[in-house]
N, C-alpha and C. Protein backbone atom coordinates (compact mmCIF):
# COMPACT_ATOMS: atom_id res chain seq x y z
N MET A 1 53.51 0.57 63.91
CA MET A 1 53.50 0.11 65.30
C MET A 1 53.46 -1.40 65.31
N SER A 2 54.28 -2.07 66.12
CA SER A 2 54.39 -3.52 66.19
C SER A 2 54.04 -4.00 67.57
N LEU A 3 53.45 -5.17 67.68
CA LEU A 3 53.10 -5.80 68.94
C LEU A 3 53.89 -7.07 69.09
N THR A 4 54.21 -7.42 70.35
CA THR A 4 54.94 -8.66 70.62
C THR A 4 53.97 -9.68 71.14
N ALA A 5 53.95 -10.84 70.52
CA ALA A 5 53.02 -11.89 70.93
C ALA A 5 53.75 -13.20 71.02
N THR A 6 53.28 -14.04 71.87
CA THR A 6 53.86 -15.38 72.03
C THR A 6 52.81 -16.41 71.78
N SER A 7 53.20 -17.55 71.29
CA SER A 7 52.26 -18.65 71.05
C SER A 7 52.99 -19.96 71.12
N ASP A 8 52.27 -21.00 71.45
CA ASP A 8 52.83 -22.34 71.49
C ASP A 8 52.51 -23.06 70.21
N ILE A 9 53.54 -23.46 69.52
CA ILE A 9 53.35 -24.20 68.26
C ILE A 9 54.10 -25.51 68.39
N ASP A 10 53.37 -26.62 68.42
CA ASP A 10 53.96 -27.95 68.54
C ASP A 10 54.88 -28.03 69.75
N GLY A 11 54.46 -27.44 70.84
CA GLY A 11 55.23 -27.54 72.08
C GLY A 11 56.35 -26.55 72.22
N TYR A 12 56.57 -25.79 71.22
CA TYR A 12 57.63 -24.79 71.28
C TYR A 12 57.01 -23.44 71.54
N ARG A 13 57.65 -22.67 72.27
CA ARG A 13 57.20 -21.33 72.59
C ARG A 13 57.96 -20.37 71.71
N SER A 14 57.26 -19.59 70.98
CA SER A 14 57.93 -18.66 70.06
C SER A 14 57.40 -17.27 70.32
N GLY A 15 58.13 -16.32 69.96
CA GLY A 15 57.73 -14.93 70.14
C GLY A 15 58.37 -14.07 69.10
N GLY A 16 57.83 -12.96 68.84
CA GLY A 16 58.36 -12.06 67.84
C GLY A 16 57.37 -10.97 67.52
N PRO A 17 57.83 -10.03 66.80
CA PRO A 17 56.95 -8.90 66.46
C PRO A 17 55.83 -9.33 65.51
N VAL A 18 54.67 -8.83 65.71
CA VAL A 18 53.51 -9.10 64.86
C VAL A 18 52.94 -7.78 64.38
N ASP A 19 52.71 -7.67 63.05
CA ASP A 19 52.17 -6.43 62.49
C ASP A 19 50.74 -6.23 62.92
N ALA A 20 50.41 -4.98 63.18
CA ALA A 20 49.03 -4.65 63.55
C ALA A 20 48.10 -4.88 62.37
N PRO A 21 46.89 -5.33 62.59
CA PRO A 21 45.95 -5.60 61.46
C PRO A 21 45.65 -4.31 60.69
N ARG A 22 45.57 -4.48 59.35
CA ARG A 22 45.30 -3.33 58.49
C ARG A 22 43.82 -3.02 58.47
N ARG A 23 43.57 -1.74 58.43
CA ARG A 23 42.18 -1.31 58.32
C ARG A 23 41.77 -1.25 56.84
N VAL A 24 40.69 -1.91 56.53
CA VAL A 24 40.18 -1.91 55.16
C VAL A 24 39.24 -0.73 54.99
N ARG A 25 39.63 0.15 54.05
CA ARG A 25 38.81 1.34 53.82
C ARG A 25 37.60 0.97 52.95
N GLN A 26 36.46 1.29 53.42
CA GLN A 26 35.24 1.01 52.68
C GLN A 26 34.95 2.15 51.70
N ARG A 27 34.61 1.74 50.46
CA ARG A 27 34.28 2.73 49.44
C ARG A 27 32.92 3.34 49.73
N ARG A 28 32.87 4.62 49.62
CA ARG A 28 31.61 5.32 49.84
C ARG A 28 30.80 5.34 48.54
N VAL A 29 29.57 4.98 48.64
CA VAL A 29 28.66 5.00 47.49
C VAL A 29 27.89 6.31 47.51
N HIS A 30 28.08 7.08 46.46
CA HIS A 30 27.40 8.37 46.38
C HIS A 30 25.92 8.16 46.12
N ARG A 31 25.13 8.74 46.96
CA ARG A 31 23.68 8.59 46.82
C ARG A 31 23.17 9.20 45.51
N GLY A 32 23.89 10.22 45.03
CA GLY A 32 23.46 10.85 43.78
C GLY A 32 23.51 9.90 42.60
N TRP A 33 24.60 9.09 42.53
CA TRP A 33 24.70 8.14 41.41
C TRP A 33 23.63 7.06 41.52
N VAL A 34 23.34 6.63 42.73
CA VAL A 34 22.29 5.63 42.91
C VAL A 34 20.94 6.18 42.45
N GLY A 35 20.69 7.45 42.80
CA GLY A 35 19.44 8.07 42.38
C GLY A 35 19.33 8.17 40.88
N LEU A 36 20.44 8.54 40.21
CA LEU A 36 20.41 8.64 38.75
C LEU A 36 20.17 7.28 38.11
N GLY A 37 20.77 6.25 38.68
CA GLY A 37 20.57 4.91 38.14
C GLY A 37 19.14 4.46 38.25
N LEU A 38 18.53 4.71 39.41
CA LEU A 38 17.13 4.35 39.59
C LEU A 38 16.22 5.14 38.65
N LEU A 39 16.56 6.44 38.45
CA LEU A 39 15.77 7.26 37.55
C LEU A 39 15.84 6.75 36.12
N ALA A 40 17.04 6.31 35.70
CA ALA A 40 17.19 5.77 34.34
C ALA A 40 16.37 4.51 34.16
N ILE A 41 16.34 3.66 35.21
CA ILE A 41 15.54 2.43 35.12
C ILE A 41 14.06 2.76 35.00
N VAL A 42 13.61 3.73 35.78
CA VAL A 42 12.20 4.11 35.74
C VAL A 42 11.83 4.68 34.37
N ILE A 43 12.71 5.55 33.82
CA ILE A 43 12.44 6.14 32.50
C ILE A 43 12.38 5.07 31.43
N ALA A 44 13.31 4.10 31.49
CA ALA A 44 13.31 3.02 30.50
C ALA A 44 12.04 2.20 30.59
N ALA A 45 11.59 1.93 31.83
CA ALA A 45 10.36 1.16 32.00
C ALA A 45 9.15 1.91 31.46
N LEU A 46 9.09 3.22 31.78
CA LEU A 46 7.98 4.02 31.27
C LEU A 46 8.00 4.11 29.75
N GLY A 47 9.23 4.23 29.17
CA GLY A 47 9.33 4.28 27.72
C GLY A 47 8.84 3.01 27.07
N SER A 48 9.14 1.86 27.66
CA SER A 48 8.68 0.60 27.11
C SER A 48 7.15 0.51 27.15
N VAL A 49 6.58 0.95 28.27
CA VAL A 49 5.12 0.92 28.39
C VAL A 49 4.48 1.84 27.37
N THR A 50 5.07 3.06 27.20
CA THR A 50 4.52 4.01 26.23
C THR A 50 4.60 3.47 24.81
N LEU A 51 5.75 2.86 24.47
CA LEU A 51 5.92 2.29 23.13
C LEU A 51 4.92 1.17 22.89
N PHE A 52 4.73 0.34 23.90
CA PHE A 52 3.78 -0.75 23.74
C PHE A 52 2.37 -0.24 23.52
N ARG A 53 2.02 0.81 24.31
CA ARG A 53 0.68 1.38 24.14
C ARG A 53 0.53 2.05 22.79
N ALA A 54 1.64 2.71 22.30
CA ALA A 54 1.57 3.40 21.01
C ALA A 54 1.37 2.39 19.88
N LEU A 55 2.13 1.29 19.93
CA LEU A 55 1.98 0.29 18.89
C LEU A 55 0.66 -0.47 19.04
N GLY A 56 0.34 -0.75 20.28
CA GLY A 56 -0.91 -1.44 20.55
C GLY A 56 -0.86 -2.87 20.08
N PRO A 57 -1.89 -3.62 20.39
CA PRO A 57 -1.95 -5.01 19.94
C PRO A 57 -2.17 -5.09 18.44
N ALA A 58 -1.80 -6.19 17.87
CA ALA A 58 -1.94 -6.39 16.42
C ALA A 58 -3.39 -6.62 16.07
N HIS A 59 -3.80 -6.06 14.93
CA HIS A 59 -5.16 -6.24 14.42
C HIS A 59 -5.07 -6.65 12.95
N GLU A 60 -6.17 -7.08 12.40
CA GLU A 60 -6.22 -7.50 11.00
C GLU A 60 -6.76 -6.38 10.13
N TYR A 61 -6.06 -6.13 9.02
CA TYR A 61 -6.44 -5.06 8.09
C TYR A 61 -6.43 -5.61 6.66
N LEU A 62 -7.03 -4.84 5.77
CA LEU A 62 -7.10 -5.22 4.36
C LEU A 62 -5.92 -4.66 3.59
N ALA A 63 -5.37 -5.48 2.70
CA ALA A 63 -4.30 -5.05 1.80
C ALA A 63 -4.63 -5.57 0.41
N LEU A 64 -3.88 -5.11 -0.58
CA LEU A 64 -4.14 -5.50 -1.97
C LEU A 64 -3.41 -6.80 -2.30
N ALA A 65 -4.15 -7.77 -2.80
CA ALA A 65 -3.55 -9.04 -3.20
C ALA A 65 -2.98 -8.98 -4.61
N ARG A 66 -3.39 -7.98 -5.39
CA ARG A 66 -2.89 -7.81 -6.75
C ARG A 66 -3.13 -6.37 -7.17
N ASP A 67 -2.51 -5.97 -8.27
CA ASP A 67 -2.68 -4.61 -8.77
C ASP A 67 -4.12 -4.41 -9.27
N VAL A 68 -4.65 -3.23 -8.96
CA VAL A 68 -6.00 -2.88 -9.42
C VAL A 68 -5.91 -1.54 -10.14
N PRO A 69 -6.25 -1.47 -11.41
CA PRO A 69 -6.14 -0.20 -12.14
C PRO A 69 -7.17 0.81 -11.67
N ILE A 70 -6.89 2.04 -11.90
CA ILE A 70 -7.79 3.12 -11.52
C ILE A 70 -9.14 2.94 -12.22
N GLY A 71 -10.21 3.14 -11.47
CA GLY A 71 -11.55 3.03 -12.04
C GLY A 71 -12.13 1.63 -12.01
N ALA A 72 -11.31 0.62 -11.67
CA ALA A 72 -11.81 -0.76 -11.65
C ALA A 72 -12.64 -1.00 -10.39
N GLN A 73 -13.60 -1.90 -10.50
CA GLN A 73 -14.44 -2.24 -9.37
C GLN A 73 -13.74 -3.30 -8.52
N LEU A 74 -13.69 -3.06 -7.23
CA LEU A 74 -12.97 -3.95 -6.32
C LEU A 74 -13.75 -5.23 -6.08
N THR A 75 -13.04 -6.37 -6.11
CA THR A 75 -13.65 -7.67 -5.83
C THR A 75 -12.95 -8.30 -4.63
N ALA A 76 -13.54 -9.37 -4.10
CA ALA A 76 -12.94 -10.06 -2.95
C ALA A 76 -11.59 -10.65 -3.32
N ALA A 77 -11.41 -11.04 -4.57
CA ALA A 77 -10.14 -11.62 -5.00
C ALA A 77 -9.01 -10.59 -5.01
N ASP A 78 -9.36 -9.30 -5.02
CA ASP A 78 -8.34 -8.25 -5.01
C ASP A 78 -7.76 -8.02 -3.62
N LEU A 79 -8.38 -8.60 -2.59
CA LEU A 79 -8.03 -8.27 -1.21
C LEU A 79 -7.35 -9.43 -0.50
N THR A 80 -6.53 -9.10 0.47
CA THR A 80 -5.94 -10.07 1.37
C THR A 80 -5.93 -9.46 2.77
N VAL A 81 -5.73 -10.29 3.77
CA VAL A 81 -5.75 -9.83 5.16
C VAL A 81 -4.33 -9.90 5.73
N VAL A 82 -3.91 -8.80 6.36
CA VAL A 82 -2.61 -8.76 7.02
C VAL A 82 -2.83 -8.41 8.49
N ARG A 83 -1.92 -8.85 9.33
CA ARG A 83 -2.01 -8.60 10.76
C ARG A 83 -0.83 -7.73 11.17
N LEU A 84 -1.10 -6.59 11.75
CA LEU A 84 -0.05 -5.68 12.15
C LEU A 84 -0.58 -4.72 13.20
N SER A 85 0.35 -4.04 13.87
CA SER A 85 -0.01 -3.03 14.85
C SER A 85 -0.23 -1.71 14.15
N ALA A 86 -1.30 -1.04 14.48
CA ALA A 86 -1.62 0.23 13.85
C ALA A 86 -0.59 1.28 14.22
N SER A 87 -0.18 2.08 13.26
CA SER A 87 0.78 3.16 13.49
C SER A 87 0.07 4.50 13.40
N PRO A 88 0.52 5.48 14.19
CA PRO A 88 -0.11 6.81 14.12
C PRO A 88 -0.03 7.38 12.71
N GLY A 89 -1.11 7.97 12.24
CA GLY A 89 -1.13 8.57 10.91
C GLY A 89 -1.68 7.65 9.84
N LEU A 90 -1.81 6.35 10.12
CA LEU A 90 -2.34 5.42 9.14
C LEU A 90 -3.79 5.10 9.47
N THR A 91 -4.60 4.98 8.43
CA THR A 91 -6.02 4.65 8.62
C THR A 91 -6.40 3.47 7.72
N PRO A 92 -5.77 2.32 7.90
CA PRO A 92 -6.11 1.17 7.06
C PRO A 92 -7.52 0.67 7.36
N VAL A 93 -8.10 0.01 6.37
CA VAL A 93 -9.46 -0.51 6.52
C VAL A 93 -9.40 -1.82 7.29
N PRO A 94 -10.15 -1.94 8.40
CA PRO A 94 -10.17 -3.20 9.15
C PRO A 94 -10.69 -4.35 8.29
N ALA A 95 -10.21 -5.55 8.60
CA ALA A 95 -10.57 -6.72 7.80
C ALA A 95 -12.07 -7.02 7.86
N HIS A 96 -12.71 -6.70 8.98
CA HIS A 96 -14.13 -7.02 9.11
C HIS A 96 -15.01 -6.12 8.24
N GLN A 97 -14.42 -5.09 7.59
CA GLN A 97 -15.19 -4.23 6.70
C GLN A 97 -15.04 -4.62 5.23
N ALA A 98 -14.57 -5.83 4.98
CA ALA A 98 -14.34 -6.27 3.59
C ALA A 98 -15.61 -6.20 2.76
N ASP A 99 -16.74 -6.61 3.35
CA ASP A 99 -17.99 -6.59 2.60
C ASP A 99 -18.40 -5.18 2.21
N GLU A 100 -17.94 -4.19 2.98
CA GLU A 100 -18.33 -2.80 2.70
C GLU A 100 -17.52 -2.19 1.56
N VAL A 101 -16.30 -2.69 1.33
CA VAL A 101 -15.45 -2.10 0.29
C VAL A 101 -15.55 -2.85 -1.03
N VAL A 102 -15.92 -4.12 -0.98
CA VAL A 102 -16.10 -4.88 -2.23
C VAL A 102 -17.24 -4.25 -3.02
N GLY A 103 -17.00 -3.95 -4.26
CA GLY A 103 -18.00 -3.31 -5.11
C GLY A 103 -17.73 -1.83 -5.33
N ARG A 104 -16.86 -1.24 -4.50
CA ARG A 104 -16.48 0.14 -4.74
C ARG A 104 -15.43 0.21 -5.84
N TYR A 105 -15.09 1.43 -6.24
CA TYR A 105 -14.18 1.63 -7.37
C TYR A 105 -12.85 2.22 -6.90
N ALA A 106 -11.80 1.85 -7.60
CA ALA A 106 -10.48 2.35 -7.26
C ALA A 106 -10.36 3.81 -7.69
N ALA A 107 -10.16 4.70 -6.72
CA ALA A 107 -10.02 6.12 -7.04
C ALA A 107 -8.61 6.44 -7.52
N VAL A 108 -7.66 5.58 -7.22
CA VAL A 108 -6.27 5.73 -7.64
C VAL A 108 -5.76 4.35 -8.04
N PRO A 109 -4.65 4.26 -8.76
CA PRO A 109 -4.09 2.93 -9.04
C PRO A 109 -3.68 2.24 -7.74
N LEU A 110 -4.13 1.02 -7.53
CA LEU A 110 -3.83 0.27 -6.32
C LEU A 110 -2.77 -0.79 -6.61
N LEU A 111 -1.73 -0.81 -5.80
CA LEU A 111 -0.60 -1.70 -6.03
C LEU A 111 -0.62 -2.87 -5.06
N ARG A 112 -0.23 -4.00 -5.54
CA ARG A 112 -0.20 -5.22 -4.72
C ARG A 112 0.69 -5.02 -3.49
N GLY A 113 0.20 -5.46 -2.33
CA GLY A 113 0.96 -5.40 -1.10
C GLY A 113 0.77 -4.15 -0.28
N THR A 114 0.05 -3.15 -0.81
CA THR A 114 -0.17 -1.91 -0.06
C THR A 114 -1.43 -2.03 0.78
N LEU A 115 -1.44 -1.31 1.91
CA LEU A 115 -2.62 -1.30 2.76
C LEU A 115 -3.74 -0.51 2.09
N LEU A 116 -4.94 -0.98 2.27
CA LEU A 116 -6.10 -0.30 1.70
C LEU A 116 -6.61 0.73 2.69
N THR A 117 -6.83 1.96 2.22
CA THR A 117 -7.36 3.03 3.05
C THR A 117 -8.64 3.57 2.41
N PRO A 118 -9.49 4.24 3.17
CA PRO A 118 -10.73 4.78 2.60
C PRO A 118 -10.49 5.76 1.45
N ASP A 119 -9.35 6.48 1.46
CA ASP A 119 -9.06 7.44 0.39
C ASP A 119 -8.81 6.76 -0.95
N HIS A 120 -8.53 5.46 -0.93
CA HIS A 120 -8.24 4.73 -2.17
C HIS A 120 -9.50 4.40 -2.95
N LEU A 121 -10.66 4.55 -2.34
CA LEU A 121 -11.90 4.06 -2.93
C LEU A 121 -12.91 5.17 -3.14
N THR A 122 -13.81 4.94 -4.06
CA THR A 122 -14.90 5.87 -4.31
C THR A 122 -16.14 5.07 -4.66
N THR A 123 -17.30 5.65 -4.36
CA THR A 123 -18.55 4.98 -4.71
C THR A 123 -19.00 5.34 -6.12
N GLU A 124 -18.33 6.33 -6.71
CA GLU A 124 -18.68 6.76 -8.06
C GLU A 124 -17.83 6.03 -9.08
N ARG A 125 -18.46 5.52 -10.07
CA ARG A 125 -17.76 4.81 -11.12
C ARG A 125 -16.87 5.77 -11.90
N VAL A 126 -15.64 5.34 -12.17
CA VAL A 126 -14.70 6.15 -12.94
C VAL A 126 -14.26 5.35 -14.15
N PRO A 127 -14.51 5.87 -15.36
CA PRO A 127 -15.16 7.14 -15.67
C PRO A 127 -16.67 7.05 -15.49
N GLY A 128 -17.27 8.21 -15.29
CA GLY A 128 -18.70 8.27 -15.13
C GLY A 128 -19.42 8.21 -16.46
N PRO A 129 -20.74 8.29 -16.45
CA PRO A 129 -21.53 8.27 -17.69
C PRO A 129 -21.12 9.41 -18.62
N GLY A 130 -20.88 9.09 -19.87
CA GLY A 130 -20.51 10.10 -20.86
C GLY A 130 -19.05 10.52 -20.81
N GLU A 131 -18.22 9.79 -20.03
CA GLU A 131 -16.80 10.15 -19.90
C GLU A 131 -15.91 9.00 -20.35
N HIS A 132 -14.71 9.35 -20.74
CA HIS A 132 -13.64 8.39 -21.00
C HIS A 132 -12.43 8.79 -20.16
N LEU A 133 -11.74 7.79 -19.65
CA LEU A 133 -10.52 8.04 -18.90
C LEU A 133 -9.33 7.69 -19.79
N VAL A 134 -8.50 8.69 -20.08
CA VAL A 134 -7.40 8.51 -21.03
C VAL A 134 -6.07 8.85 -20.35
N PRO A 135 -5.07 7.95 -20.43
CA PRO A 135 -3.76 8.26 -19.88
C PRO A 135 -2.92 9.04 -20.89
N VAL A 136 -2.27 10.07 -20.42
CA VAL A 136 -1.39 10.88 -21.28
C VAL A 136 -0.01 10.90 -20.63
N SER A 137 0.98 10.33 -21.32
CA SER A 137 2.34 10.30 -20.81
C SER A 137 3.12 11.50 -21.37
N LEU A 138 3.73 12.25 -20.46
CA LEU A 138 4.45 13.46 -20.86
C LEU A 138 5.78 13.56 -20.12
N PRO A 139 6.78 14.16 -20.75
CA PRO A 139 8.01 14.49 -20.01
C PRO A 139 7.69 15.55 -18.96
N ARG A 140 8.42 15.53 -17.86
CA ARG A 140 8.16 16.48 -16.78
C ARG A 140 8.31 17.93 -17.24
N ASP A 141 9.23 18.18 -18.17
CA ASP A 141 9.45 19.55 -18.59
C ASP A 141 8.34 20.07 -19.49
N GLN A 142 7.37 19.22 -19.83
CA GLN A 142 6.23 19.68 -20.63
C GLN A 142 4.96 19.86 -19.78
N LEU A 143 5.11 19.71 -18.46
CA LEU A 143 3.96 19.93 -17.58
C LEU A 143 3.87 21.40 -17.22
N PRO A 144 2.69 21.85 -16.77
CA PRO A 144 2.56 23.24 -16.32
C PRO A 144 3.50 23.54 -15.16
N GLY A 145 3.60 24.81 -14.82
CA GLY A 145 4.58 25.25 -13.82
C GLY A 145 4.49 24.55 -12.49
N ARG A 146 3.29 24.32 -11.98
CA ARG A 146 3.15 23.63 -10.71
C ARG A 146 2.66 22.21 -10.95
N SER A 147 2.78 21.38 -9.94
CA SER A 147 2.35 20.00 -10.07
C SER A 147 0.85 19.91 -10.27
N LEU A 148 0.44 19.03 -11.14
CA LEU A 148 -0.98 18.81 -11.36
C LEU A 148 -1.55 17.98 -10.22
N ARG A 149 -2.81 18.24 -9.88
CA ARG A 149 -3.49 17.51 -8.82
C ARG A 149 -4.82 16.99 -9.34
N ALA A 150 -5.30 15.93 -8.69
CA ALA A 150 -6.60 15.39 -9.06
C ALA A 150 -7.67 16.46 -8.90
N GLY A 151 -8.52 16.61 -9.92
CA GLY A 151 -9.56 17.62 -9.90
C GLY A 151 -9.22 18.87 -10.67
N ASP A 152 -7.95 19.04 -11.06
CA ASP A 152 -7.56 20.22 -11.84
C ASP A 152 -8.24 20.19 -13.21
N HIS A 153 -8.72 21.36 -13.62
CA HIS A 153 -9.27 21.51 -14.97
C HIS A 153 -8.13 21.91 -15.91
N VAL A 154 -8.01 21.17 -17.00
CA VAL A 154 -6.92 21.42 -17.95
C VAL A 154 -7.50 21.48 -19.36
N MET A 155 -6.65 21.93 -20.25
CA MET A 155 -6.98 21.92 -21.67
C MET A 155 -5.93 21.10 -22.39
N LEU A 156 -6.40 20.11 -23.15
CA LEU A 156 -5.50 19.28 -23.95
C LEU A 156 -5.37 19.91 -25.33
N VAL A 157 -4.14 20.07 -25.75
CA VAL A 157 -3.86 20.72 -27.04
C VAL A 157 -3.23 19.71 -27.97
N ALA A 158 -3.86 19.51 -29.14
CA ALA A 158 -3.33 18.58 -30.15
C ALA A 158 -2.25 19.29 -30.94
N THR A 159 -1.04 18.77 -30.83
CA THR A 159 0.08 19.34 -31.60
C THR A 159 0.23 18.58 -32.91
N SER A 160 0.92 19.19 -33.87
CA SER A 160 1.09 18.55 -35.18
C SER A 160 2.57 18.53 -35.53
N GLY A 161 2.88 17.74 -36.55
CA GLY A 161 4.26 17.65 -37.00
C GLY A 161 4.55 18.55 -38.19
N ARG A 162 3.77 19.61 -38.33
CA ARG A 162 3.95 20.50 -39.47
C ARG A 162 5.28 21.23 -39.38
N THR A 163 5.82 21.63 -40.50
CA THR A 163 7.05 22.40 -40.56
C THR A 163 6.68 23.86 -40.76
N VAL A 164 7.03 24.68 -39.81
CA VAL A 164 6.70 26.10 -39.88
C VAL A 164 7.50 26.72 -41.03
N GLY A 165 6.80 27.47 -41.88
CA GLY A 165 7.47 28.13 -43.00
C GLY A 165 7.12 27.52 -44.33
N THR A 166 6.78 26.24 -44.32
CA THR A 166 6.41 25.57 -45.58
C THR A 166 4.95 25.17 -45.60
N THR A 167 4.33 25.15 -44.39
CA THR A 167 2.92 24.77 -44.31
C THR A 167 2.17 25.86 -43.57
N GLU A 168 0.95 26.11 -44.02
CA GLU A 168 0.14 27.12 -43.38
C GLU A 168 -0.17 26.71 -41.94
N VAL A 169 0.05 27.60 -41.01
CA VAL A 169 -0.19 27.33 -39.59
C VAL A 169 -1.67 27.54 -39.29
N THR A 170 -2.30 26.55 -38.73
CA THR A 170 -3.71 26.65 -38.35
C THR A 170 -3.83 26.57 -36.84
N ASP A 171 -4.97 27.00 -36.33
CA ASP A 171 -5.19 26.94 -34.89
C ASP A 171 -5.23 25.49 -34.44
N PRO A 172 -4.55 25.16 -33.35
CA PRO A 172 -4.56 23.76 -32.88
C PRO A 172 -5.91 23.40 -32.30
N ARG A 173 -6.20 22.12 -32.33
CA ARG A 173 -7.46 21.63 -31.78
C ARG A 173 -7.29 21.44 -30.27
N THR A 174 -8.29 21.81 -29.50
CA THR A 174 -8.22 21.70 -28.04
C THR A 174 -9.40 20.89 -27.50
N PHE A 175 -9.17 20.29 -26.31
CA PHE A 175 -10.19 19.48 -25.66
C PHE A 175 -10.19 19.81 -24.16
N PRO A 176 -11.36 20.11 -23.59
CA PRO A 176 -11.42 20.30 -22.14
C PRO A 176 -11.29 18.95 -21.43
N ALA A 177 -10.66 18.96 -20.28
CA ALA A 177 -10.45 17.71 -19.53
C ALA A 177 -10.31 18.02 -18.05
N ARG A 178 -10.39 16.97 -17.25
CA ARG A 178 -10.19 17.11 -15.81
C ARG A 178 -9.22 16.03 -15.34
N VAL A 179 -8.24 16.43 -14.55
CA VAL A 179 -7.22 15.49 -14.07
C VAL A 179 -7.84 14.55 -13.04
N HIS A 180 -7.65 13.26 -13.27
CA HIS A 180 -8.14 12.28 -12.30
C HIS A 180 -7.02 11.73 -11.43
N ASP A 181 -5.85 11.57 -12.02
CA ASP A 181 -4.73 11.01 -11.26
C ASP A 181 -3.43 11.37 -11.97
N VAL A 182 -2.37 11.49 -11.15
CA VAL A 182 -1.03 11.74 -11.68
C VAL A 182 -0.10 10.70 -11.08
N ALA A 183 0.60 9.96 -11.92
CA ALA A 183 1.47 8.89 -11.44
C ALA A 183 2.81 8.94 -12.16
N GLU A 184 3.80 8.29 -11.55
CA GLU A 184 5.12 8.21 -12.17
C GLU A 184 5.06 7.33 -13.41
N GLY A 185 5.81 7.71 -14.43
CA GLY A 185 5.87 6.92 -15.64
C GLY A 185 6.95 5.86 -15.55
N ASP A 186 7.23 5.23 -16.68
CA ASP A 186 8.25 4.18 -16.72
C ASP A 186 9.63 4.74 -16.41
N GLY A 187 9.89 5.94 -16.90
CA GLY A 187 11.18 6.57 -16.63
C GLY A 187 11.04 7.67 -15.60
N ARG A 188 12.18 8.08 -15.04
CA ARG A 188 12.15 9.11 -14.00
C ARG A 188 11.67 10.46 -14.55
N ASP A 189 11.83 10.67 -15.85
CA ASP A 189 11.49 11.97 -16.43
C ASP A 189 10.09 12.00 -17.01
N ASN A 190 9.37 10.91 -16.90
CA ASN A 190 8.02 10.85 -17.47
C ASN A 190 6.96 10.81 -16.38
N VAL A 191 5.81 11.41 -16.67
CA VAL A 191 4.66 11.42 -15.77
C VAL A 191 3.44 11.00 -16.58
N VAL A 192 2.60 10.15 -15.98
CA VAL A 192 1.37 9.73 -16.63
C VAL A 192 0.21 10.48 -15.97
N VAL A 193 -0.46 11.30 -16.76
CA VAL A 193 -1.60 12.07 -16.27
C VAL A 193 -2.87 11.43 -16.82
N SER A 194 -3.69 10.88 -15.93
CA SER A 194 -4.97 10.29 -16.34
C SER A 194 -6.03 11.39 -16.34
N VAL A 195 -6.65 11.61 -17.49
CA VAL A 195 -7.61 12.70 -17.62
C VAL A 195 -8.98 12.15 -18.01
N LEU A 196 -10.01 12.80 -17.49
CA LEU A 196 -11.39 12.48 -17.85
C LEU A 196 -11.84 13.43 -18.95
N VAL A 197 -12.28 12.87 -20.07
CA VAL A 197 -12.68 13.67 -21.21
C VAL A 197 -14.05 13.23 -21.68
N ASP A 198 -14.64 14.04 -22.51
CA ASP A 198 -15.92 13.69 -23.09
C ASP A 198 -15.76 12.42 -23.93
N GLU A 199 -16.75 11.53 -23.85
CA GLU A 199 -16.64 10.26 -24.57
C GLU A 199 -16.53 10.44 -26.08
N ARG A 200 -17.01 11.57 -26.61
CA ARG A 200 -16.89 11.81 -28.04
C ARG A 200 -15.45 12.09 -28.46
N ASP A 201 -14.63 12.54 -27.50
CA ASP A 201 -13.24 12.88 -27.82
C ASP A 201 -12.25 11.82 -27.35
N GLY A 202 -12.74 10.79 -26.64
CA GLY A 202 -11.83 9.82 -26.05
C GLY A 202 -10.92 9.13 -27.05
N ALA A 203 -11.45 8.65 -28.15
CA ALA A 203 -10.66 7.91 -29.13
C ALA A 203 -9.61 8.82 -29.79
N VAL A 204 -10.01 10.05 -30.13
CA VAL A 204 -9.07 10.98 -30.76
C VAL A 204 -7.93 11.32 -29.81
N ILE A 205 -8.27 11.61 -28.56
CA ILE A 205 -7.24 11.98 -27.58
C ILE A 205 -6.30 10.80 -27.32
N ALA A 206 -6.86 9.59 -27.23
CA ALA A 206 -6.02 8.42 -27.02
C ALA A 206 -5.03 8.23 -28.16
N ALA A 207 -5.49 8.46 -29.40
CA ALA A 207 -4.60 8.33 -30.56
C ALA A 207 -3.52 9.41 -30.54
N LEU A 208 -3.89 10.63 -30.20
CA LEU A 208 -2.91 11.71 -30.12
C LEU A 208 -1.90 11.45 -29.01
N ALA A 209 -2.37 10.93 -27.87
CA ALA A 209 -1.47 10.65 -26.76
C ALA A 209 -0.50 9.53 -27.12
N ALA A 210 -0.98 8.51 -27.82
CA ALA A 210 -0.11 7.40 -28.21
C ALA A 210 1.00 7.84 -29.15
N SER A 211 0.73 8.87 -29.94
CA SER A 211 1.75 9.37 -30.89
C SER A 211 2.55 10.53 -30.31
N GLY A 212 2.31 10.85 -29.04
CA GLY A 212 3.07 11.94 -28.40
C GLY A 212 2.70 13.30 -28.91
N ARG A 213 1.44 13.48 -29.28
CA ARG A 213 1.02 14.76 -29.87
C ARG A 213 -0.01 15.47 -29.00
N ILE A 214 0.17 15.40 -27.69
CA ILE A 214 -0.73 16.06 -26.75
C ILE A 214 0.08 16.94 -25.81
N ALA A 215 -0.39 18.17 -25.63
CA ALA A 215 0.17 19.06 -24.61
C ALA A 215 -0.93 19.39 -23.62
N ILE A 216 -0.55 19.65 -22.37
CA ILE A 216 -1.52 19.94 -21.31
C ILE A 216 -1.34 21.39 -20.85
N VAL A 217 -2.45 22.10 -20.81
CA VAL A 217 -2.44 23.49 -20.35
C VAL A 217 -3.34 23.59 -19.12
N LEU A 218 -2.82 24.15 -18.05
CA LEU A 218 -3.63 24.33 -16.84
C LEU A 218 -4.48 25.58 -16.99
N THR A 219 -5.79 25.44 -16.83
CA THR A 219 -6.69 26.56 -17.03
C THR A 219 -7.03 27.23 -15.69
N ALA A 220 -7.80 28.30 -15.76
CA ALA A 220 -8.14 29.04 -14.55
C ALA A 220 -8.92 28.18 -13.57
N GLY A 221 -9.69 27.23 -14.07
CA GLY A 221 -10.46 26.35 -13.20
C GLY A 221 -9.60 25.41 -12.42
N GLY A 222 -8.32 25.29 -12.77
CA GLY A 222 -7.43 24.38 -12.06
C GLY A 222 -6.63 25.04 -11.00
N ASP A 223 -6.78 26.37 -10.80
CA ASP A 223 -6.01 27.05 -9.77
C ASP A 223 -6.61 26.80 -8.39
């Protein structure tokens, strides 16, 4: 549809068809999309608040400044202070409890840079009176059927290099022992089992272990 209009331009009168103005269609905004967008913003905000609360503010905790062997007494020089946010499942020792842990004994080998937890320490000296702590390195395929655990009662068997058929076979010598710790060896196929033995047998067992002449048998007390 066209309209005829006249106008004066610089003293001249002109006329002609003029197009009708176009209607601009406005886009409709769906309320559903707006609602979903607002919901996403709210969820993101709540998630940030929850994460912040879960991590919590940073606190100071104790960590190992150097390696501490199993059974060693902890000193102030063994400790350092780190600042971090506590994570669920971790129970590190707060820094203000340093005086309480100094003087205790390492229940497991402690490695530099790891957080100190109450399970790492014991008030009992290791080895105790009348005991020796001896490390025995063994290939994994020479361990009992299931993994050894701290506290397992085992029997150490002294093996010999005798040749069957040319030498009379005698009963092997055995020593009762208790597993104190199990750790990875230098190689992937080796395991170091630290055992507590009677002090009278400590030197003999250490010599047998150094020559690779020790086998470990899990006894009924270790089940």
